[in-house]
């Protein structure tokens, strides 16, 4: 019985956060504007928390900003979200989606922002056109609005890519192996 109640609670919380899974708006232009707001707010937050990140991003070939919600219940879970990749040389914006599936120990739901910084044209192009990431994760966060705590992480994925992560809200404890797929949003790109 307790297990069923816990599952129902997780489903209810996930449904309440479902607005985070896709950009708001009913038209394509409204959805793009929603993604741009998230992009601007996320970078402003990152620059407040990690002032050196602005210089790193400005010197990079390109970067991508994503919003996603992850949910884990005991031995597995996943997440979904959206974002935009920006090519510094051309200024071109590529709107993207993401999905994640994982196995491992975990419990909770978390709203996350991720900023990928690409230090080479190859890394940026590969991300936008192939967009696959696979890796292990360990996470602990408890945050609601401005209350609570969560780590802002900076990780080197490889020599050509850096990733910053920030928790927006939620309660999560997990250690897992997850696969994440990023791909172009055919509806939002011109």
N, C-alpha and C. Protein backbone atom coordinates (compact mmCIF):
# COMPACT_ATOMS: atom_id res chain seq x y z
N UNK A 1 0.82 -1.20 0.00
CA UNK A 1 0.00 0.00 0.00
C UNK A 1 0.87 1.27 0.00
N UNK A 2 1.92 1.24 0.84
CA UNK A 2 2.80 2.41 0.90
C UNK A 2 3.46 2.66 -0.44
N UNK A 3 3.82 1.59 -1.11
CA UNK A 3 4.48 1.70 -2.41
C UNK A 3 3.55 2.34 -3.44
N UNK A 4 2.29 1.96 -3.44
CA UNK A 4 1.30 2.52 -4.36
C UNK A 4 1.09 4.00 -4.07
N UNK A 5 0.99 4.35 -2.79
CA UNK A 5 0.82 5.76 -2.43
C UNK A 5 2.03 6.59 -2.85
N UNK A 6 3.21 6.04 -2.66
CA UNK A 6 4.42 6.75 -3.08
C UNK A 6 4.46 6.94 -4.59
N UNK A 7 4.09 5.92 -5.33
CA UNK A 7 4.04 6.03 -6.79
C UNK A 7 3.02 7.07 -7.22
N UNK A 8 1.85 7.09 -6.58
CA UNK A 8 0.82 8.08 -6.92
C UNK A 8 1.31 9.49 -6.60
N UNK A 9 2.01 9.64 -5.50
CA UNK A 9 2.55 10.94 -5.14
C UNK A 9 3.56 11.41 -6.18
N UNK A 10 4.44 10.51 -6.61
CA UNK A 10 5.44 10.87 -7.64
C UNK A 10 4.76 11.23 -8.95
N UNK A 11 3.74 10.49 -9.33
CA UNK A 11 3.01 10.80 -10.56
C UNK A 11 2.34 12.17 -10.45
N UNK A 12 1.74 12.46 -9.30
CA UNK A 12 1.08 13.76 -9.09
C UNK A 12 2.07 14.90 -9.18
N UNK A 13 3.23 14.74 -8.56
CA UNK A 13 4.25 15.79 -8.63
C UNK A 13 4.77 15.94 -10.05
N UNK A 14 4.99 14.82 -10.74
CA UNK A 14 5.45 14.89 -12.13
C UNK A 14 4.44 15.61 -13.00
N UNK A 15 3.16 15.33 -12.81
CA UNK A 15 2.12 16.02 -13.58
C UNK A 15 2.12 17.51 -13.27
N UNK A 16 2.36 17.87 -12.02
CA UNK A 16 2.38 19.29 -11.68
C UNK A 16 3.58 20.00 -12.30
N UNK A 17 4.66 19.24 -12.54
CA UNK A 17 5.84 19.83 -13.18
C UNK A 17 5.85 19.64 -14.69
N UNK A 18 4.79 19.06 -15.24
CA UNK A 18 4.78 18.74 -16.68
C UNK A 18 4.94 19.97 -17.57
N UNK A 19 4.60 21.14 -17.06
CA UNK A 19 4.79 22.35 -17.85
C UNK A 19 6.27 22.58 -18.14
N UNK A 20 7.14 22.01 -17.31
CA UNK A 20 8.58 22.15 -17.52
C UNK A 20 9.10 21.24 -18.62
N UNK A 21 8.28 20.27 -19.06
CA UNK A 21 8.74 19.30 -20.05
C UNK A 21 8.72 19.84 -21.47
N UNK A 22 7.95 20.88 -21.72
CA UNK A 22 7.91 21.48 -23.04
C UNK A 22 7.71 22.98 -22.88
N UNK A 23 8.16 23.75 -23.87
CA UNK A 23 8.03 25.20 -23.75
C UNK A 23 6.57 25.64 -23.75
N UNK A 24 6.28 26.69 -23.02
CA UNK A 24 4.90 27.19 -22.96
C UNK A 24 4.56 27.95 -24.23
N UNK A 25 3.28 28.04 -24.50
CA UNK A 25 2.80 28.77 -25.67
C UNK A 25 2.01 27.87 -26.59
N UNK A 26 1.10 28.49 -27.33
CA UNK A 26 0.27 27.71 -28.25
C UNK A 26 0.76 27.81 -29.70
N UNK A 27 1.52 28.85 -30.01
CA UNK A 27 2.05 28.98 -31.37
C UNK A 27 3.55 28.68 -31.36
N UNK A 28 4.11 28.43 -32.53
CA UNK A 28 5.54 28.17 -32.62
C UNK A 28 6.36 29.36 -32.13
N UNK A 29 5.92 30.57 -32.48
CA UNK A 29 6.64 31.78 -32.04
C UNK A 29 6.60 31.92 -30.52
N UNK A 30 5.47 31.63 -29.89
CA UNK A 30 5.36 31.70 -28.43
C UNK A 30 6.27 30.66 -27.78
N UNK A 31 6.37 29.48 -28.37
CA UNK A 31 7.25 28.44 -27.83
C UNK A 31 8.72 28.87 -27.94
N UNK A 32 9.09 29.45 -29.08
CA UNK A 32 10.46 29.95 -29.24
C UNK A 32 10.75 31.05 -28.21
N UNK A 33 9.80 31.96 -28.01
CA UNK A 33 9.97 33.03 -27.02
C UNK A 33 10.12 32.46 -25.61
N UNK A 34 9.37 31.40 -25.30
CA UNK A 34 9.48 30.74 -24.00
C UNK A 34 10.87 30.14 -23.81
N UNK A 35 11.39 29.52 -24.85
CA UNK A 35 12.74 28.94 -24.77
C UNK A 35 13.77 30.05 -24.60
N UNK A 36 13.60 31.16 -25.31
CA UNK A 36 14.54 32.29 -25.18
C UNK A 36 14.51 32.88 -23.77
N UNK A 37 13.33 32.97 -23.15
CA UNK A 37 13.25 33.45 -21.76
C UNK A 37 14.01 32.51 -20.84
N UNK A 38 13.78 31.20 -21.00
CA UNK A 38 14.49 30.22 -20.18
C UNK A 38 16.00 30.35 -20.39
N UNK A 39 16.42 30.50 -21.65
CA UNK A 39 17.84 30.67 -22.00
C UNK A 39 18.42 31.87 -21.26
N UNK A 40 17.77 33.02 -21.36
CA UNK A 40 18.27 34.25 -20.74
C UNK A 40 18.31 34.14 -19.21
N UNK A 41 17.25 33.59 -18.61
CA UNK A 41 17.19 33.44 -17.15
C UNK A 41 18.25 32.46 -16.66
N UNK A 42 18.45 31.38 -17.40
CA UNK A 42 19.44 30.38 -17.01
C UNK A 42 20.85 30.96 -17.06
N UNK A 43 21.18 31.66 -18.14
CA UNK A 43 22.52 32.26 -18.22
C UNK A 43 22.72 33.31 -17.13
N UNK A 44 21.72 34.13 -16.86
CA UNK A 44 21.83 35.13 -15.79
C UNK A 44 22.09 34.45 -14.44
N UNK A 45 21.37 33.37 -14.17
CA UNK A 45 21.57 32.62 -12.93
C UNK A 45 22.96 32.01 -12.87
N UNK A 46 23.41 31.42 -13.98
CA UNK A 46 24.74 30.83 -14.03
C UNK A 46 25.81 31.88 -13.78
N UNK A 47 25.69 33.04 -14.41
CA UNK A 47 26.70 34.09 -14.26
C UNK A 47 26.73 34.63 -12.84
N UNK A 48 25.58 34.63 -12.15
CA UNK A 48 25.57 35.04 -10.74
C UNK A 48 26.28 34.00 -9.87
N UNK A 49 26.02 32.73 -10.14
CA UNK A 49 26.59 31.66 -9.32
C UNK A 49 28.03 31.35 -9.67
N UNK A 50 28.39 31.46 -10.93
CA UNK A 50 29.74 31.17 -11.42
C UNK A 50 30.18 32.29 -12.36
N UNK A 51 30.65 33.41 -11.82
CA UNK A 51 31.01 34.56 -12.65
C UNK A 51 32.01 34.25 -13.77
N UNK A 52 32.89 33.29 -13.57
CA UNK A 52 33.87 32.95 -14.61
C UNK A 52 33.23 32.27 -15.82
N UNK A 53 32.01 31.75 -15.66
CA UNK A 53 31.34 31.03 -16.76
C UNK A 53 31.08 31.94 -17.95
N UNK A 54 30.81 33.21 -17.70
CA UNK A 54 30.52 34.13 -18.80
C UNK A 54 31.69 34.23 -19.77
N UNK A 55 32.90 34.35 -19.24
CA UNK A 55 34.08 34.41 -20.10
C UNK A 55 34.30 33.11 -20.86
N UNK A 56 34.04 31.99 -20.20
CA UNK A 56 34.20 30.68 -20.84
C UNK A 56 33.23 30.56 -22.01
N UNK A 57 31.97 30.96 -21.79
CA UNK A 57 30.95 30.87 -22.83
C UNK A 57 31.25 31.83 -23.97
N UNK A 58 31.66 33.04 -23.65
CA UNK A 58 31.95 34.04 -24.70
C UNK A 58 33.11 33.63 -25.60
N UNK A 59 34.07 32.87 -25.08
CA UNK A 59 35.22 32.42 -25.87
C UNK A 59 34.95 31.13 -26.63
N UNK A 60 33.84 30.47 -26.34
CA UNK A 60 33.55 29.15 -26.92
C UNK A 60 33.05 29.27 -28.35
N UNK A 61 33.11 28.16 -29.07
CA UNK A 61 32.56 28.06 -30.43
C UNK A 61 31.04 28.20 -30.39
N UNK A 62 30.44 27.61 -29.36
CA UNK A 62 28.99 27.66 -29.19
C UNK A 62 28.61 27.07 -27.85
N UNK A 63 27.32 27.12 -27.55
CA UNK A 63 26.83 26.60 -26.28
C UNK A 63 25.37 26.19 -26.46
N UNK A 64 24.86 25.45 -25.48
CA UNK A 64 23.46 25.04 -25.49
C UNK A 64 22.91 25.16 -24.07
N UNK A 65 21.67 25.60 -23.95
CA UNK A 65 21.01 25.77 -22.67
C UNK A 65 19.74 24.92 -22.67
N UNK A 66 19.57 24.08 -21.63
CA UNK A 66 18.43 23.17 -21.55
C UNK A 66 17.73 23.27 -20.21
N UNK A 67 16.42 23.06 -20.26
CA UNK A 67 15.58 22.90 -19.08
C UNK A 67 15.02 21.49 -19.14
N UNK A 68 15.15 20.75 -18.04
CA UNK A 68 14.58 19.41 -18.03
C UNK A 68 14.11 19.01 -16.64
N UNK A 69 13.17 18.10 -16.60
CA UNK A 69 12.64 17.56 -15.36
C UNK A 69 12.98 16.08 -15.33
N UNK A 70 13.58 15.65 -14.22
CA UNK A 70 13.91 14.24 -14.01
C UNK A 70 13.07 13.69 -12.87
N UNK A 71 12.62 12.46 -13.02
CA UNK A 71 11.88 11.78 -11.96
C UNK A 71 12.45 10.38 -11.79
N UNK A 72 12.71 9.99 -10.56
CA UNK A 72 13.22 8.65 -10.26
C UNK A 72 12.40 8.04 -9.15
N UNK A 73 12.09 6.76 -9.30
CA UNK A 73 11.35 6.02 -8.30
C UNK A 73 12.06 4.68 -8.11
N UNK A 74 12.82 4.57 -7.06
CA UNK A 74 13.55 3.37 -6.67
C UNK A 74 14.61 2.96 -7.68
N UNK A 75 14.29 2.09 -8.64
CA UNK A 75 15.32 1.50 -9.48
C UNK A 75 15.38 2.07 -10.90
N UNK A 76 14.64 3.09 -11.18
CA UNK A 76 14.70 3.64 -12.53
C UNK A 76 13.93 4.95 -12.63
N UNK A 77 14.08 5.57 -13.78
CA UNK A 77 13.37 6.83 -14.00
C UNK A 77 13.80 7.45 -15.31
N UNK A 78 13.48 8.70 -15.44
CA UNK A 78 13.82 9.40 -16.67
C UNK A 78 13.46 10.86 -16.59
N UNK A 79 13.55 11.49 -17.72
CA UNK A 79 13.26 12.91 -17.78
C UNK A 79 13.07 13.36 -19.22
N UNK A 80 12.65 14.60 -19.35
CA UNK A 80 12.44 15.20 -20.67
C UNK A 80 12.59 16.70 -20.54
N UNK A 81 12.85 17.36 -21.67
CA UNK A 81 12.98 18.80 -21.63
C UNK A 81 13.23 19.39 -23.01
N UNK A 82 13.69 20.63 -23.01
CA UNK A 82 13.88 21.39 -24.24
C UNK A 82 15.00 22.40 -24.06
N UNK A 83 15.48 22.95 -25.17
CA UNK A 83 16.53 23.95 -25.08
C UNK A 83 16.89 24.53 -26.43
N UNK A 84 18.01 25.26 -26.44
CA UNK A 84 18.47 25.91 -27.65
C UNK A 84 20.00 25.86 -27.68
N UNK A 85 20.55 25.56 -28.86
CA UNK A 85 21.99 25.58 -29.08
C UNK A 85 22.31 26.82 -29.90
N UNK A 86 23.37 27.54 -29.52
CA UNK A 86 23.74 28.79 -30.18
C UNK A 86 25.14 28.69 -30.74
N UNK A 87 25.28 28.92 -32.05
CA UNK A 87 26.55 28.93 -32.75
C UNK A 87 27.09 30.36 -32.72
N UNK A 88 28.22 30.58 -32.04
CA UNK A 88 28.76 31.94 -31.92
C UNK A 88 29.18 32.54 -33.25
N UNK A 89 29.73 31.74 -34.16
CA UNK A 89 30.23 32.30 -35.42
C UNK A 89 29.12 32.81 -36.32
N UNK A 90 27.99 32.13 -36.35
CA UNK A 90 26.89 32.54 -37.24
C UNK A 90 25.73 33.18 -36.50
N UNK A 91 25.65 32.95 -35.18
CA UNK A 91 24.50 33.43 -34.41
C UNK A 91 23.28 32.54 -34.56
N UNK A 92 23.39 31.47 -35.34
CA UNK A 92 22.25 30.58 -35.57
C UNK A 92 21.84 29.88 -34.29
N UNK A 93 20.53 29.81 -34.09
CA UNK A 93 19.95 29.14 -32.94
C UNK A 93 19.25 27.88 -33.43
N UNK A 94 19.54 26.75 -32.78
CA UNK A 94 18.90 25.49 -33.11
C UNK A 94 18.10 25.04 -31.89
N UNK A 95 16.78 24.99 -32.04
CA UNK A 95 15.91 24.57 -30.95
C UNK A 95 15.92 23.06 -30.88
N UNK A 96 15.99 22.54 -29.65
CA UNK A 96 16.19 21.11 -29.46
C UNK A 96 15.28 20.56 -28.37
N UNK A 97 15.16 19.23 -28.35
CA UNK A 97 14.46 18.49 -27.31
C UNK A 97 15.46 17.54 -26.67
N UNK A 98 15.07 16.99 -25.51
CA UNK A 98 15.91 16.00 -24.87
C UNK A 98 15.06 15.02 -24.10
N UNK A 99 15.56 13.79 -23.96
CA UNK A 99 14.90 12.76 -23.16
C UNK A 99 15.98 11.95 -22.48
N UNK A 100 15.64 11.44 -21.30
CA UNK A 100 16.61 10.68 -20.53
C UNK A 100 15.93 9.46 -19.92
N UNK A 101 16.65 8.35 -19.89
CA UNK A 101 16.19 7.14 -19.20
C UNK A 101 17.36 6.63 -18.39
N UNK A 102 17.08 6.13 -17.18
CA UNK A 102 18.17 5.66 -16.33
C UNK A 102 17.77 4.50 -15.46
N UNK A 103 18.79 3.77 -15.03
CA UNK A 103 18.59 2.72 -14.05
C UNK A 103 19.55 2.98 -12.90
N UNK A 104 19.13 2.61 -11.71
CA UNK A 104 19.94 2.84 -10.53
C UNK A 104 19.04 3.23 -9.38
N UNK A 105 19.63 3.51 -8.25
CA UNK A 105 18.85 3.88 -7.08
C UNK A 105 18.51 5.35 -7.12
N UNK A 106 17.25 5.68 -6.89
CA UNK A 106 16.86 7.07 -6.88
C UNK A 106 15.45 7.25 -6.37
N UNK A 107 15.19 8.45 -5.90
CA UNK A 107 13.85 8.79 -5.45
C UNK A 107 13.69 10.30 -5.53
N UNK A 108 12.68 10.76 -6.25
CA UNK A 108 12.39 12.18 -6.28
C UNK A 108 12.19 12.73 -7.67
N UNK A 109 11.92 14.02 -7.68
CA UNK A 109 11.70 14.77 -8.92
C UNK A 109 12.50 16.06 -8.82
N UNK A 110 13.13 16.45 -9.92
CA UNK A 110 13.98 17.63 -9.91
C UNK A 110 13.89 18.38 -11.23
N UNK A 111 13.80 19.70 -11.15
CA UNK A 111 13.81 20.60 -12.30
C UNK A 111 15.24 21.12 -12.45
N UNK A 112 15.86 20.83 -13.57
CA UNK A 112 17.29 21.10 -13.76
C UNK A 112 17.51 22.01 -14.97
N UNK A 113 18.54 22.85 -14.89
CA UNK A 113 19.02 23.61 -16.03
C UNK A 113 20.44 23.14 -16.33
N UNK A 114 20.74 22.94 -17.60
CA UNK A 114 22.08 22.53 -18.01
C UNK A 114 22.58 23.45 -19.10
N UNK A 115 23.84 23.83 -19.01
CA UNK A 115 24.49 24.65 -20.03
C UNK A 115 25.71 23.89 -20.51
N UNK A 116 25.72 23.55 -21.80
CA UNK A 116 26.85 22.90 -22.43
C UNK A 116 27.67 23.97 -23.14
N UNK A 117 28.98 23.92 -22.97
CA UNK A 117 29.88 24.87 -23.63
C UNK A 117 30.81 24.06 -24.54
N UNK A 118 30.82 24.41 -25.83
CA UNK A 118 31.58 23.66 -26.82
C UNK A 118 32.81 24.46 -27.23
N UNK A 119 33.99 23.85 -27.05
CA UNK A 119 35.24 24.53 -27.31
C UNK A 119 35.80 24.23 -28.69
N UNK A 120 35.07 23.42 -29.48
CA UNK A 120 35.51 23.14 -30.85
C UNK A 120 34.29 23.05 -31.76
N UNK A 121 34.51 23.34 -33.03
CA UNK A 121 33.43 23.23 -34.01
C UNK A 121 32.95 21.79 -34.11
N UNK A 122 33.88 20.84 -34.03
CA UNK A 122 33.51 19.43 -34.11
C UNK A 122 32.56 19.04 -32.97
N UNK A 123 32.88 19.46 -31.75
CA UNK A 123 32.04 19.12 -30.60
C UNK A 123 30.65 19.75 -30.73
N UNK A 124 30.60 21.02 -31.15
CA UNK A 124 29.30 21.69 -31.31
C UNK A 124 28.47 21.02 -32.39
N UNK A 125 29.08 20.80 -33.54
CA UNK A 125 28.37 20.18 -34.66
C UNK A 125 27.89 18.77 -34.30
N UNK A 126 28.73 18.02 -33.63
CA UNK A 126 28.35 16.67 -33.23
C UNK A 126 27.16 16.69 -32.27
N UNK A 127 27.17 17.62 -31.33
CA UNK A 127 26.06 17.73 -30.38
C UNK A 127 24.76 18.08 -31.10
N UNK A 128 24.79 19.09 -31.93
CA UNK A 128 23.58 19.54 -32.62
C UNK A 128 23.06 18.47 -33.58
N UNK A 129 23.95 17.82 -34.29
CA UNK A 129 23.53 16.86 -35.31
C UNK A 129 23.36 15.42 -34.80
N UNK A 130 24.12 15.04 -33.74
CA UNK A 130 24.02 13.68 -33.21
C UNK A 130 23.43 13.66 -31.81
N UNK A 131 23.87 14.60 -30.99
CA UNK A 131 23.31 14.86 -29.67
C UNK A 131 23.19 13.74 -28.68
N UNK A 132 24.07 12.80 -28.62
CA UNK A 132 23.93 11.69 -27.70
C UNK A 132 24.91 11.84 -26.55
N UNK A 133 24.45 11.62 -25.33
CA UNK A 133 25.31 11.63 -24.16
C UNK A 133 24.96 10.42 -23.31
N UNK A 134 25.94 9.77 -22.72
CA UNK A 134 25.70 8.63 -21.86
C UNK A 134 26.63 8.75 -20.68
N UNK A 135 26.12 8.57 -19.47
CA UNK A 135 27.03 8.67 -18.33
C UNK A 135 26.39 8.35 -17.02
N UNK A 136 27.21 8.19 -16.00
CA UNK A 136 26.73 7.95 -14.65
C UNK A 136 26.49 9.28 -13.95
N UNK A 137 25.61 9.26 -12.96
CA UNK A 137 25.30 10.48 -12.24
C UNK A 137 25.15 10.18 -10.76
N UNK A 138 25.51 11.15 -9.94
CA UNK A 138 25.20 11.11 -8.51
C UNK A 138 24.68 12.50 -8.18
N UNK A 139 23.58 12.57 -7.47
CA UNK A 139 22.93 13.85 -7.26
C UNK A 139 22.21 13.86 -5.93
N UNK A 140 22.23 15.00 -5.27
CA UNK A 140 21.42 15.19 -4.07
C UNK A 140 21.01 16.65 -4.03
N UNK A 141 19.71 16.91 -3.93
CA UNK A 141 19.24 18.29 -3.91
C UNK A 141 17.89 18.37 -3.22
N UNK A 142 17.66 19.48 -2.56
CA UNK A 142 16.36 19.78 -1.99
C UNK A 142 16.18 21.28 -2.13
N UNK A 143 15.31 21.71 -3.02
CA UNK A 143 15.18 23.13 -3.29
C UNK A 143 13.78 23.45 -3.76
N UNK A 144 13.23 24.54 -3.25
CA UNK A 144 11.94 25.06 -3.69
C UNK A 144 12.07 26.57 -3.75
N UNK A 145 11.90 27.11 -4.94
CA UNK A 145 12.12 28.53 -5.20
C UNK A 145 13.50 28.92 -4.71
N UNK A 146 13.63 29.86 -3.79
CA UNK A 146 14.94 30.30 -3.31
C UNK A 146 15.37 29.58 -2.05
N UNK A 147 14.56 28.67 -1.53
CA UNK A 147 14.87 27.98 -0.29
C UNK A 147 15.46 26.61 -0.59
N UNK A 148 16.35 26.17 0.28
CA UNK A 148 16.95 24.85 0.11
C UNK A 148 18.31 24.96 -0.53
N UNK A 149 18.88 23.81 -0.80
CA UNK A 149 20.23 23.82 -1.35
C UNK A 149 20.40 22.80 -2.43
N UNK A 150 21.22 23.12 -3.36
CA UNK A 150 21.58 22.20 -4.43
C UNK A 150 22.93 22.63 -4.96
N UNK A 151 23.68 21.67 -5.40
CA UNK A 151 24.99 21.97 -5.93
C UNK A 151 24.90 22.46 -7.36
N UNK A 152 25.66 23.49 -7.67
CA UNK A 152 25.84 23.89 -9.06
C UNK A 152 27.11 23.22 -9.51
N UNK A 153 26.99 22.35 -10.49
CA UNK A 153 28.14 21.58 -10.90
C UNK A 153 28.75 22.09 -12.18
N UNK A 154 30.06 21.94 -12.28
CA UNK A 154 30.78 22.22 -13.52
C UNK A 154 31.57 20.96 -13.83
N UNK A 155 31.35 20.40 -15.01
CA UNK A 155 31.97 19.14 -15.38
C UNK A 155 32.61 19.27 -16.75
N UNK A 156 33.76 18.66 -16.90
CA UNK A 156 34.36 18.53 -18.22
C UNK A 156 33.90 17.19 -18.78
N UNK A 157 33.08 17.22 -19.80
CA UNK A 157 32.62 15.99 -20.43
C UNK A 157 33.77 15.36 -21.20
N UNK A 158 34.51 16.20 -21.91
CA UNK A 158 35.73 15.80 -22.60
C UNK A 158 36.54 17.08 -22.79
N UNK A 159 37.65 17.00 -23.50
CA UNK A 159 38.51 18.17 -23.68
C UNK A 159 37.82 19.29 -24.46
N UNK A 160 36.75 18.97 -25.18
CA UNK A 160 36.10 19.95 -26.04
C UNK A 160 34.76 20.43 -25.51
N UNK A 161 34.29 19.90 -24.38
CA UNK A 161 32.96 20.25 -23.89
C UNK A 161 32.95 20.38 -22.37
N UNK A 162 32.36 21.45 -21.89
CA UNK A 162 32.15 21.67 -20.46
C UNK A 162 30.65 21.77 -20.23
N UNK A 163 30.19 21.28 -19.08
CA UNK A 163 28.77 21.35 -18.77
C UNK A 163 28.58 21.93 -17.36
N UNK A 164 27.66 22.87 -17.24
CA UNK A 164 27.26 23.42 -15.95
C UNK A 164 25.83 22.94 -15.68
N UNK A 165 25.55 22.54 -14.45
CA UNK A 165 24.19 22.15 -14.09
C UNK A 165 23.74 22.93 -12.87
N UNK A 166 22.45 23.26 -12.84
CA UNK A 166 21.85 23.97 -11.71
C UNK A 166 20.47 23.38 -11.45
N UNK A 167 20.14 23.23 -10.18
CA UNK A 167 18.82 22.73 -9.80
C UNK A 167 17.90 23.91 -9.58
N UNK A 168 16.74 23.89 -10.23
CA UNK A 168 15.74 24.93 -10.06
C UNK A 168 14.84 24.64 -8.87
N UNK A 169 14.33 23.42 -8.78
CA UNK A 169 13.46 23.04 -7.67
C UNK A 169 13.35 21.53 -7.64
N UNK A 170 12.85 21.03 -6.54
CA UNK A 170 12.60 19.61 -6.43
C UNK A 170 13.37 18.98 -5.31
N UNK A 171 13.14 17.70 -5.13
CA UNK A 171 13.80 16.91 -4.11
C UNK A 171 14.28 15.65 -4.80
N UNK A 172 15.59 15.38 -4.74
CA UNK A 172 16.13 14.25 -5.49
C UNK A 172 17.34 13.70 -4.76
N UNK A 173 17.42 12.39 -4.70
CA UNK A 173 18.62 11.68 -4.29
C UNK A 173 18.75 10.52 -5.25
N UNK A 174 19.91 10.41 -5.93
CA UNK A 174 20.05 9.33 -6.90
C UNK A 174 21.51 9.02 -7.17
N UNK A 175 21.75 7.79 -7.52
CA UNK A 175 23.00 7.33 -8.09
C UNK A 175 22.58 6.40 -9.21
N UNK A 176 22.90 6.75 -10.44
CA UNK A 176 22.36 5.96 -11.55
C UNK A 176 23.25 6.00 -12.77
N UNK A 177 22.90 5.17 -13.71
CA UNK A 177 23.51 5.15 -15.03
C UNK A 177 22.41 5.57 -16.00
N UNK A 178 22.62 6.65 -16.72
CA UNK A 178 21.56 7.21 -17.55
C UNK A 178 22.02 7.45 -18.97
N UNK A 179 21.11 7.31 -19.88
CA UNK A 179 21.35 7.67 -21.27
C UNK A 179 20.48 8.86 -21.61
N UNK A 180 21.07 9.84 -22.24
CA UNK A 180 20.33 11.05 -22.59
C UNK A 180 20.48 11.30 -24.08
N UNK A 181 19.39 11.61 -24.71
CA UNK A 181 19.39 11.91 -26.15
C UNK A 181 18.93 13.34 -26.35
N UNK A 182 19.69 14.10 -27.11
CA UNK A 182 19.34 15.46 -27.51
C UNK A 182 19.14 15.44 -29.01
N UNK A 183 18.10 16.13 -29.52
CA UNK A 183 17.86 16.15 -30.95
C UNK A 183 17.16 17.45 -31.34
N UNK A 184 17.28 17.78 -32.63
CA UNK A 184 16.65 18.99 -33.16
C UNK A 184 15.13 18.89 -33.08
N UNK A 185 14.51 19.99 -32.71
CA UNK A 185 13.04 20.07 -32.70
C UNK A 185 12.61 20.53 -34.09
N UNK A 186 12.17 19.61 -34.91
CA UNK A 186 11.81 19.93 -36.29
C UNK A 186 10.69 20.96 -36.41
N UNK A 187 9.83 21.04 -35.42
CA UNK A 187 8.72 22.00 -35.47
C UNK A 187 9.16 23.43 -35.22
N UNK A 188 10.19 23.62 -34.36
CA UNK A 188 10.56 24.98 -33.96
C UNK A 188 11.67 25.60 -34.79
N UNK A 189 12.41 24.79 -35.53
CA UNK A 189 13.49 25.34 -36.35
C UNK A 189 12.94 25.80 -37.70
N UNK A 190 13.47 26.90 -38.19
CA UNK A 190 12.99 27.50 -39.43
C UNK A 190 13.40 26.69 -40.62
